[in-house]
Amino acid sequence: MNDDVMDLRARNKQSTREAISHAALRLAIEQGPHGLALVRVHDIATAAGVSPRTYNNYFSSRAEAICAFQADQAGRAGQALRSRPADEPLDQAVIAAMIELYTDPEPDRAGLRMIMSTPELEGEALKAFSMAEGPLAEAIAARTGTDPARDLFPAVTAAAIAGAIRVAGRHWLEPGTTGSFATVLRGALSCVVPAAPPQAPSPTR
């Protein structure tokens, strides 16, 4: 099988995954505050134009389906940072990468509110963020020349970035917040990402 065929198959699978996820989230929002409990797999599959069997091939739960976009987005965080210019200071690189990743397009307020106000969905989204911390830590280590096996900086910074993104999302949903998500996210990340790793203390004599 040549690369073009494999790429087409991967794109088709991703398109199906996204269609199911979008249908699941839309149906949950339409059902109101307790939408997750009211949405059925058959309804999601029908709305996405697939069979229930196809749905089950992609997702093991409704929460996983609804949060798939967030999971995929978080999974690209490490690569997004690696794509920034090598000579860019860490804080600038992280902020630029995360803003591009999370604000193009800007999050859907109704969807984000549904996820953050439903414990099962919020837990699923948190799991996605946690799984993305490893690749992000590796990208931070590569950029800063630190060893993730010996230095806490990459892992701690990756966890702080993930936490800042979640806090920015909650703040953006609060009544009275009028700024764009990019503005809120920039402010949150600025609180936690240094321009460079801290210097190791000099050995005492």
C-alpha atoms as a PDB file:
ATOM      1  CA  MET A   1       0.000   0.000   0.000  1.00  0.00           C
ATOM      2  CA  ASN A   2       1.532   3.311  -1.035  1.00  0.00           C
ATOM      3  CA  ASP A   3       1.816   6.412   1.153  1.00  0.00           C
ATOM      4  CA  ASP A   4      -0.948   8.300  -0.681  1.00  0.00           C
ATOM      5  CA  VAL A   5      -3.456   5.519  -0.027  1.00  0.00           C
ATOM      6  CA  MET A   6      -2.400   5.332   3.626  1.00  0.00           C
ATOM      7  CA  ASP A   7      -2.696   9.118   3.996  1.00  0.00           C
ATOM      8  CA  LEU A   8      -6.166   9.071   2.433  1.00  0.00           C
ATOM      9  CA  ARG A   9      -7.265   6.283   4.757  1.00  0.00           C
ATOM     10  CA  ALA A  10      -5.937   8.201   7.783  1.00  0.00           C
ATOM     11  CA  ARG A  11      -7.715  11.375   6.684  1.00  0.00           C
ATOM     12  CA  ASN A  12     -10.970   9.491   6.176  1.00  0.00           C
ATOM     13  CA  LYS A  13     -10.706   7.918   9.620  1.00  0.00           C
ATOM     14  CA  GLN A  14     -10.013  11.296  11.194  1.00  0.00           C
ATOM     15  CA  SER A  15     -12.964  12.845   9.344  1.00  0.00           C
ATOM     16  CA  THR A  16     -15.254  10.100  10.627  1.00  0.00           C
ATOM     17  CA  ARG A  17     -13.920  10.548  14.153  1.00  0.00           C
ATOM     18  CA  GLU A  18     -14.549  14.292  13.989  1.00  0.00           C
ATOM     19  CA  ALA A  19     -18.043  13.855  12.546  1.00  0.00           C
ATOM     20  CA  ILE A  20     -19.029  11.526  15.375  1.00  0.00           C
ATOM     21  CA  SER A  21     -17.527  13.825  17.996  1.00  0.00           C
ATOM     22  CA  HIS A  22     -19.230  16.935  16.623  1.00  0.00           C
ATOM     23  CA  ALA A  23     -22.579  15.116  16.452  1.00  0.00           C
ATOM     24  CA  ALA A  24     -22.242  13.857  20.024  1.00  0.00           C
ATOM     25  CA  LEU A  25     -21.423  17.302  21.402  1.00  0.00           C
ATOM     26  CA  ARG A  26     -24.190  19.011  19.420  1.00  0.00           C
ATOM     27  CA  LEU A  27     -26.803  16.537  20.587  1.00  0.00           C
ATOM     28  CA  ALA A  28     -25.661  16.851  24.204  1.00  0.00           C
ATOM     29  CA  ILE A  29     -25.891  20.648  24.046  1.00  0.00           C
ATOM     30  CA  GLU A  30     -29.384  20.443  22.548  1.00  0.00           C
ATOM     31  CA  GLN A  31     -30.532  18.272  25.455  1.00  0.00           C
ATOM     32  CA  GLY A  32     -29.557  20.911  28.018  1.00  0.00           C
ATOM     33  CA  PRO A  33     -27.583  20.748  31.295  1.00  0.00           C
ATOM     34  CA  HIS A  34     -27.972  16.974  31.674  1.00  0.00           C
ATOM     35  CA  GLY A  35     -27.439  16.280  27.997  1.00  0.00           C
ATOM     36  CA  LEU A  36     -24.795  13.603  28.422  1.00  0.00           C
ATOM     37  CA  ALA A  37     -27.226  11.257  30.182  1.00  0.00           C
ATOM     38  CA  LEU A  38     -29.946  11.838  27.591  1.00  0.00           C
ATOM     39  CA  VAL A  39     -27.977  11.252  24.395  1.00  0.00           C
ATOM     40  CA  ARG A  40     -28.043   7.727  22.975  1.00  0.00           C
ATOM     41  CA  VAL A  41     -25.397   6.049  20.844  1.00  0.00           C
ATOM     42  CA  HIS A  42     -27.942   5.360  18.097  1.00  0.00           C
ATOM     43  CA  ASP A  43     -28.806   9.072  17.944  1.00  0.00           C
ATOM     44  CA  ILE A  44     -25.141  10.062  17.701  1.00  0.00           C
ATOM     45  CA  ALA A  45     -24.454   7.529  14.968  1.00  0.00           C
ATOM     46  CA  THR A  46     -27.508   8.636  12.980  1.00  0.00           C
ATOM     47  CA  ALA A  47     -26.572  12.317  13.283  1.00  0.00           C
ATOM     48  CA  ALA A  48     -23.016  11.544  12.148  1.00  0.00           C
ATOM     49  CA  GLY A  49     -24.177   9.406   9.224  1.00  0.00           C
ATOM     50  CA  VAL A  50     -22.551   6.203  10.470  1.00  0.00           C
ATOM     51  CA  SER A  51     -23.739   2.934  11.943  1.00  0.00           C
ATOM     52  CA  PRO A  52     -23.718   2.233  15.698  1.00  0.00           C
ATOM     53  CA  ARG A  53     -21.069  -0.407  14.994  1.00  0.00           C
ATOM     54  CA  THR A  54     -18.843   2.210  13.363  1.00  0.00           C
ATOM     55  CA  TYR A  55     -19.384   4.461  16.359  1.00  0.00           C
ATOM     56  CA  ASN A  56     -18.250   1.675  18.681  1.00  0.00           C
ATOM     57  CA  ASN A  57     -15.136   1.148  16.574  1.00  0.00           C
ATOM     58  CA  TYR A  58     -14.077   4.722  17.344  1.00  0.00           C
ATOM     59  CA  PHE A  59     -15.270   5.394  20.880  1.00  0.00           C
ATOM     60  CA  SER A  60     -15.925   3.390  24.019  1.00  0.00           C
ATOM     61  CA  SER A  61     -18.164   5.969  25.687  1.00  0.00           C
ATOM     62  CA  ARG A  62     -20.239   9.052  24.976  1.00  0.00           C
ATOM     63  CA  ALA A  63     -17.876  11.138  27.097  1.00  0.00           C
ATOM     64  CA  GLU A  64     -14.915  10.013  25.009  1.00  0.00           C
ATOM     65  CA  ALA A  65     -16.780  10.885  21.814  1.00  0.00           C
ATOM     66  CA  ILE A  66     -17.802  14.336  23.027  1.00  0.00           C
ATOM     67  CA  CYS A  67     -14.288  15.187  24.204  1.00  0.00           C
ATOM     68  CA  ALA A  68     -12.492  13.776  21.154  1.00  0.00           C
ATOM     69  CA  PHE A  69     -11.792  17.189  19.654  1.00  0.00           C
ATOM     70  CA  GLN A  70     -10.208  18.384  22.901  1.00  0.00           C
ATOM     71  CA  ALA A  71      -8.204  15.157  23.121  1.00  0.00           C
ATOM     72  CA  ASP A  72      -6.906  15.494  19.570  1.00  0.00           C
ATOM     73  CA  GLN A  73      -6.101  19.155  20.141  1.00  0.00           C
ATOM     74  CA  ALA A  74      -4.191  18.462  23.353  1.00  0.00           C
ATOM     75  CA  GLY A  75      -2.325  15.641  21.622  1.00  0.00           C
ATOM     76  CA  ARG A  76      -0.889  18.129  19.128  1.00  0.00           C
ATOM     77  CA  ALA A  77       0.583  20.427  21.790  1.00  0.00           C
ATOM     78  CA  GLY A  78       4.058  18.899  21.673  1.00  0.00           C
ATOM     79  CA  GLN A  79       4.282  19.117  17.899  1.00  0.00           C
ATOM     80  CA  ALA A  80       2.938  22.662  17.965  1.00  0.00           C
ATOM     81  CA  LEU A  81       5.825  23.701  20.213  1.00  0.00           C
ATOM     82  CA  ARG A  82       8.378  21.844  18.093  1.00  0.00           C
ATOM     83  CA  SER A  83       7.211  23.796  15.049  1.00  0.00           C
ATOM     84  CA  ARG A  84       8.245  27.138  16.556  1.00  0.00           C
ATOM     85  CA  PRO A  85      11.623  28.720  15.580  1.00  0.00           C
ATOM     86  CA  ALA A  86      14.492  27.132  17.491  1.00  0.00           C
ATOM     87  CA  ASP A  87      15.920  30.466  18.660  1.00  0.00           C
ATOM     88  CA  GLU A  88      12.628  31.714  20.109  1.00  0.00           C
ATOM     89  CA  PRO A  89      12.640  32.068  23.935  1.00  0.00           C
ATOM     90  CA  LEU A  90      10.647  29.348  25.644  1.00  0.00           C
ATOM     91  CA  ASP A  91       7.871  31.583  26.947  1.00  0.00           C
ATOM     92  CA  GLN A  92       7.303  33.223  23.557  1.00  0.00           C
ATOM     93  CA  ALA A  93       7.387  29.876  21.776  1.00  0.00           C
ATOM     94  CA  VAL A  94       4.912  28.242  24.166  1.00  0.00           C
ATOM     95  CA  ILE A  95       2.484  31.158  24.107  1.00  0.00           C
ATOM     96  CA  ALA A  96       2.557  31.447  20.315  1.00  0.00           C
ATOM     97  CA  ALA A  97       2.176  27.674  19.834  1.00  0.00           C
ATOM     98  CA  MET A  98      -0.665  27.256  22.310  1.00  0.00           C
ATOM     99  CA  ILE A  99      -2.579  30.298  21.085  1.00  0.00           C
ATOM    100  CA  GLU A 100      -2.370  29.050  17.513  1.00  0.00           C
ATOM    101  CA  LEU A 101      -3.428  25.560  18.579  1.00  0.00           C
ATOM    102  CA  TYR A 102      -6.313  26.532  20.847  1.00  0.00           C
ATOM    103  CA  THR A 103      -7.744  29.608  19.140  1.00  0.00           C
ATOM    104  CA  ASP A 104      -7.794  28.595  15.467  1.00  0.00           C
ATOM    105  CA  PRO A 105     -10.725  28.287  15.573  1.00  0.00           C
ATOM    106  CA  GLU A 106     -11.738  29.918  18.855  1.00  0.00           C
ATOM    107  CA  PRO A 107     -13.408  27.424  21.213  1.00  0.00           C
ATOM    108  CA  ASP A 108     -17.156  27.002  21.023  1.00  0.00           C
ATOM    109  CA  ARG A 109     -18.478  28.517  24.243  1.00  0.00           C
ATOM    110  CA  ALA A 110     -21.518  26.253  24.463  1.00  0.00           C
ATOM    111  CA  GLY A 111     -19.438  23.137  23.919  1.00  0.00           C
ATOM    112  CA  LEU A 112     -16.732  24.166  26.362  1.00  0.00           C
ATOM    113  CA  ARG A 113     -19.358  25.064  28.969  1.00  0.00           C
ATOM    114  CA  MET A 114     -21.003  21.666  28.542  1.00  0.00           C
ATOM    115  CA  ILE A 115     -17.681  19.882  29.042  1.00  0.00           C
ATOM    116  CA  MET A 116     -16.585  21.940  32.040  1.00  0.00           C
ATOM    117  CA  SER A 117     -19.953  21.767  33.792  1.00  0.00           C
ATOM    118  CA  THR A 118     -20.382  17.984  33.466  1.00  0.00           C
ATOM    119  CA  PRO A 119     -18.095  16.032  35.835  1.00  0.00           C
ATOM    120  CA  GLU A 120     -17.808  12.990  33.558  1.00  0.00           C
ATOM    121  CA  LEU A 121     -16.912  15.150  30.570  1.00  0.00           C
ATOM    122  CA  GLU A 122     -14.499  17.280  32.549  1.00  0.00           C
ATOM    123  CA  GLY A 123     -12.803  14.114  33.770  1.00  0.00           C
ATOM    124  CA  GLU A 124     -12.456  12.857  30.196  1.00  0.00           C
ATOM    125  CA  ALA A 125     -10.975  16.183  29.092  1.00  0.00           C
ATOM    126  CA  LEU A 126      -8.574  16.129  32.046  1.00  0.00           C
ATOM    127  CA  LYS A 127      -7.418  12.659  31.013  1.00  0.00           C
ATOM    128  CA  ALA A 128      -6.685  13.972  27.523  1.00  0.00           C
ATOM    129  CA  PHE A 129      -4.632  16.835  28.939  1.00  0.00           C
ATOM    130  CA  SER A 130      -2.686  14.440  31.172  1.00  0.00           C
ATOM    131  CA  MET A 131      -1.840  12.165  28.242  1.00  0.00           C
ATOM    132  CA  ALA A 132      -0.584  15.158  26.258  1.00  0.00           C
ATOM    133  CA  GLU A 133       1.823  16.290  28.980  1.00  0.00           C
ATOM    134  CA  GLY A 134       4.438  13.672  28.061  1.00  0.00           C
ATOM    135  CA  PRO A 135       4.945  14.771  24.427  1.00  0.00           C
ATOM    136  CA  LEU A 136       4.815  18.416  25.502  1.00  0.00           C
ATOM    137  CA  ALA A 137       7.470  17.781  28.158  1.00  0.00           C
ATOM    138  CA  GLU A 138       9.658  16.099  25.529  1.00  0.00           C
ATOM    139  CA  ALA A 139       9.292  19.139  23.258  1.00  0.00           C
ATOM    140  CA  ILE A 140      10.231  21.449  26.142  1.00  0.00           C
ATOM    141  CA  ALA A 141      13.252  19.285  26.949  1.00  0.00           C
ATOM    142  CA  ALA A 142      14.398  19.325  23.314  1.00  0.00           C
ATOM    143  CA  ARG A 143      14.049  23.107  23.118  1.00  0.00           C
ATOM    144  CA  THR A 144      15.826  23.809  26.409  1.00  0.00           C
ATOM    145  CA  GLY A 145      18.477  21.102  26.265  1.00  0.00           C
ATOM    146  CA  THR A 146      17.299  19.550  29.514  1.00  0.00           C
ATOM    147  CA  ASP A 147      17.086  15.861  30.338  1.00  0.00           C
ATOM    148  CA  PRO A 148      13.504  14.849  31.206  1.00  0.00           C
ATOM    149  CA  ALA A 149      14.805  11.744  32.944  1.00  0.00           C
ATOM    150  CA  ARG A 150      16.888  13.780  35.400  1.00  0.00           C
ATOM    151  CA  ASP A 151      15.430  17.290  35.376  1.00  0.00           C
ATOM    152  CA  LEU A 152      11.955  18.105  36.673  1.00  0.00           C
ATOM    153  CA  PHE A 153      11.689  21.275  34.606  1.00  0.00           C
ATOM    154  CA  PRO A 154      10.154  19.822  31.390  1.00  0.00           C
ATOM    155  CA  ALA A 155       7.465  17.760  33.136  1.00  0.00           C
ATOM    156  CA  VAL A 156       6.570  20.445  35.670  1.00  0.00           C
ATOM    157  CA  THR A 157       6.382  23.100  32.965  1.00  0.00           C
ATOM    158  CA  ALA A 158       4.219  20.879  30.751  1.00  0.00           C
ATOM    159  CA  ALA A 159       1.833  20.258  33.651  1.00  0.00           C
ATOM    160  CA  ALA A 160       1.724  23.989  34.405  1.00  0.00           C
ATOM    161  CA  ILE A 161       0.900  24.756  30.762  1.00  0.00           C
ATOM    162  CA  ALA A 162      -1.932  22.225  30.759  1.00  0.00           C
ATOM    163  CA  GLY A 163      -3.258  23.703  33.994  1.00  0.00           C
ATOM    164  CA  ALA A 164      -3.065  27.241  32.629  1.00  0.00           C
ATOM    165  CA  ILE A 165      -5.070  26.232  29.561  1.00  0.00           C
ATOM    166  CA  ARG A 166      -7.808  24.719  31.727  1.00  0.00           C
ATOM    167  CA  VAL A 167      -7.916  27.763  34.012  1.00  0.00           C
ATOM    168  CA  ALA A 168      -8.077  30.059  30.988  1.00  0.00           C
ATOM    169  CA  GLY A 169     -11.059  28.093  29.690  1.00  0.00           C
ATOM    170  CA  ARG A 170     -12.931  28.406  32.973  1.00  0.00           C
ATOM    171  CA  HIS A 171     -12.182  32.116  33.241  1.00  0.00           C
ATOM    172  CA  TRP A 172     -13.269  32.734  29.647  1.00  0.00           C
ATOM    173  CA  LEU A 173     -16.672  31.215  30.433  1.00  0.00           C
ATOM    174  CA  GLU A 174     -17.274  33.385  33.489  1.00  0.00           C
ATOM    175  CA  PRO A 175     -19.989  36.049  33.171  1.00  0.00           C
ATOM    176  CA  GLY A 176     -18.509  39.425  32.383  1.00  0.00           C
ATOM    177  CA  THR A 177     -15.436  38.125  30.583  1.00  0.00           C
ATOM    178  CA  THR A 178     -15.429  40.004  27.285  1.00  0.00           C
ATOM    179  CA  GLY A 179     -11.934  39.402  25.898  1.00  0.00           C
ATOM    180  CA  SER A 180     -11.102  36.807  23.296  1.00  0.00           C
ATOM    181  CA  PHE A 181      -9.929  33.389  24.405  1.00  0.00           C
ATOM    182  CA  ALA A 182      -6.527  34.210  22.908  1.00  0.00           C
ATOM    183  CA  THR A 183      -6.191  37.177  25.273  1.00  0.00           C
ATOM    184  CA  VAL A 184      -7.238  35.142  28.305  1.00  0.00           C
ATOM    185  CA  LEU A 185      -4.967  32.246  27.336  1.00  0.00           C
ATOM    186  CA  ARG A 186      -1.991  34.539  26.819  1.00  0.00           C
ATOM    187  CA  GLY A 187      -2.463  35.976  30.283  1.00  0.00           C
ATOM    188  CA  ALA A 188      -2.755  32.533  31.889  1.00  0.00           C
ATOM    189  CA  LEU A 189       0.331  31.135  30.155  1.00  0.00           C
ATOM    190  CA  SER A 190       2.335  34.241  31.036  1.00  0.00           C
ATOM    191  CA  CYS A 191       1.847  33.321  34.695  1.00  0.00           C
ATOM    192  CA  VAL A 192       3.538  29.931  34.428  1.00  0.00           C
ATOM    193  CA  VAL A 193       6.076  29.743  31.577  1.00  0.00           C
ATOM    194  CA  PRO A 194       9.582  31.165  32.086  1.00  0.00           C
ATOM    195  CA  ALA A 195      11.772  32.403  29.252  1.00  0.00           C
ATOM    196  CA  ALA A 196      14.360  29.721  30.079  1.00  0.00           C
ATOM    197  CA  PRO A 197      14.939  26.943  32.622  1.00  0.00           C
ATOM    198  CA  PRO A 198      16.277  28.074  36.000  1.00  0.00           C
ATOM    199  CA  GLN A 199      20.025  27.816  36.371  1.00  0.00           C
ATOM    200  CA  ALA A 200      21.240  25.017  38.557  1.00  0.00           C
ATOM    201  CA  PRO A 201      22.780  26.285  41.805  1.00  0.00           C
ATOM    202  CA  SER A 202      26.557  26.364  41.954  1.00  0.00           C
ATOM    203  CA  PRO A 203      28.049  23.536  43.994  1.00  0.00           C
ATOM    204  CA  THR A 204      29.032  24.538  47.514  1.00  0.00           C
ATOM    205  CA  ARG A 205      32.641  24.246  48.549  1.00  0.00           C
END
